[in-house]
Amino acid sequence: VYLDQLVNEHEKVWFVGCNTVNEATKFWLFQGYVKPIQNILSEMYGFEYYLVNKRYEWMLCENHHEVLVALGTMRNRLEQLIVPTE
């Protein structure tokens, strides 16, 4: 996942995690920066998570099928990363 290319490294975000395989009703909330969050995610598998801007301007989700979904202003950032403009 290219989170560090999507999220400013100095922006504090909410990380919401969910183990959809074993405990789909439990969510964990963490406030932090993208680099430590990426470190956590590198140790996980079958894990669904959300990153949420603290002003609710965007949300990014990766589900347990490794599908990335973006809402708000993050949608434009994700599209630019996937399909770069010339």
Protein backbone atom coordinates (compact mmCIF):
# COMPACT_ATOMS: atom_id res chain seq x y z
CA VAL A 1 0.00 0.00 0.00
CA TYR A 2 1.26 3.45 -0.90
CA LEU A 3 -0.16 5.28 2.10
CA ASP A 4 2.88 7.51 2.48
CA GLN A 5 2.31 8.74 -1.09
CA LEU A 6 -1.34 9.55 -0.34
CA VAL A 7 -1.21 10.97 3.18
CA ASN A 8 1.04 13.83 4.27
CA GLU A 9 3.57 12.42 6.74
CA HIS A 10 2.91 15.35 9.14
CA GLU A 11 -0.88 14.97 9.13
CA LYS A 12 -2.28 13.31 12.22
CA VAL A 13 -5.07 10.90 11.24
CA TRP A 14 -7.39 8.40 12.86
CA PHE A 15 -6.62 4.77 12.16
CA VAL A 16 -9.59 2.47 12.64
CA GLY A 17 -8.80 -1.23 12.46
CA CYS A 18 -11.09 -4.22 12.26
CA ASN A 19 -10.32 -7.93 12.18
CA THR A 20 -13.19 -8.88 9.87
CA VAL A 21 -12.26 -12.56 9.91
CA ASN A 22 -12.41 -13.29 13.64
CA GLU A 23 -14.02 -10.31 15.36
CA ALA A 24 -16.00 -8.26 12.86
CA THR A 25 -17.81 -6.28 15.58
CA LYS A 26 -14.66 -4.97 17.29
CA PHE A 27 -12.86 -1.86 16.10
CA TRP A 28 -9.63 -0.35 17.37
CA LEU A 29 -9.00 3.38 17.19
CA PHE A 30 -5.54 4.96 17.08
CA GLN A 31 -4.48 8.52 16.41
CA GLY A 32 -1.15 8.88 14.67
CA TYR A 33 0.92 9.46 11.58
CA VAL A 34 1.11 7.46 8.37
CA LYS A 35 4.64 6.00 8.77
CA PRO A 36 3.97 4.19 12.10
CA ILE A 37 0.60 3.08 10.74
CA GLN A 38 2.31 1.57 7.69
CA ASN A 39 4.69 -0.28 10.01
CA ILE A 40 1.73 -1.78 11.87
CA LEU A 41 0.00 -2.77 8.64
CA SER A 42 3.10 -4.50 7.31
CA GLU A 43 2.69 -7.03 10.14
CA MET A 44 -1.02 -7.69 9.49
CA TYR A 45 -2.95 -9.81 7.01
CA GLY A 46 -6.69 -10.28 6.45
CA PHE A 47 -7.15 -6.98 8.23
CA GLU A 48 -9.54 -4.20 7.30
CA TYR A 49 -8.73 -0.64 8.23
CA TYR A 50 -9.79 2.94 7.68
CA LEU A 51 -7.74 6.14 7.74
CA VAL A 52 -9.84 9.21 8.46
CA ASN A 53 -8.85 12.85 8.21
CA LYS A 54 -9.54 14.60 11.52
CA ARG A 55 -11.61 17.24 9.70
CA TYR A 56 -13.61 14.51 7.91
CA GLU A 57 -12.41 15.77 4.51
CA TRP A 58 -11.47 12.28 3.36
CA MET A 59 -11.48 8.62 4.28
CA LEU A 60 -9.40 5.76 2.94
CA CYS A 61 -10.29 2.10 3.43
CA GLU A 62 -8.52 -1.12 2.57
CA ASN A 63 -10.68 -4.18 3.02
CA HIS A 64 -9.54 -7.72 3.76
CA HIS A 65 -9.52 -8.44 -0.01
CA GLU A 66 -6.85 -5.72 -0.40
CA VAL A 67 -9.23 -3.40 -2.26
CA LEU A 68 -8.52 0.28 -1.62
CA VAL A 69 -11.50 2.66 -1.46
CA ALA A 70 -11.20 6.45 -1.15
CA LEU A 71 -13.79 9.08 -0.34
CA GLY A 72 -13.71 12.87 -0.33
CA THR A 73 -10.53 14.63 -1.36
CA MET A 74 -8.58 11.38 -1.03
CA ARG A 75 -10.36 10.06 -4.11
CA ASN A 76 -8.52 12.57 -6.33
CA ARG A 77 -5.17 11.73 -4.72
CA LEU A 78 -5.71 8.02 -5.27
CA GLU A 79 -6.74 8.52 -8.90
CA GLN A 80 -3.59 10.61 -9.54
CA LEU A 81 -1.43 7.90 -8.01
CA ILE A 82 -3.04 5.13 -10.07
CA VAL A 83 -3.38 7.05 -13.35
CA PRO A 84 -0.68 9.73 -13.45
CA THR A 85 -1.39 12.74 -15.63
CA GLU A 86 1.04 13.54 -18.41
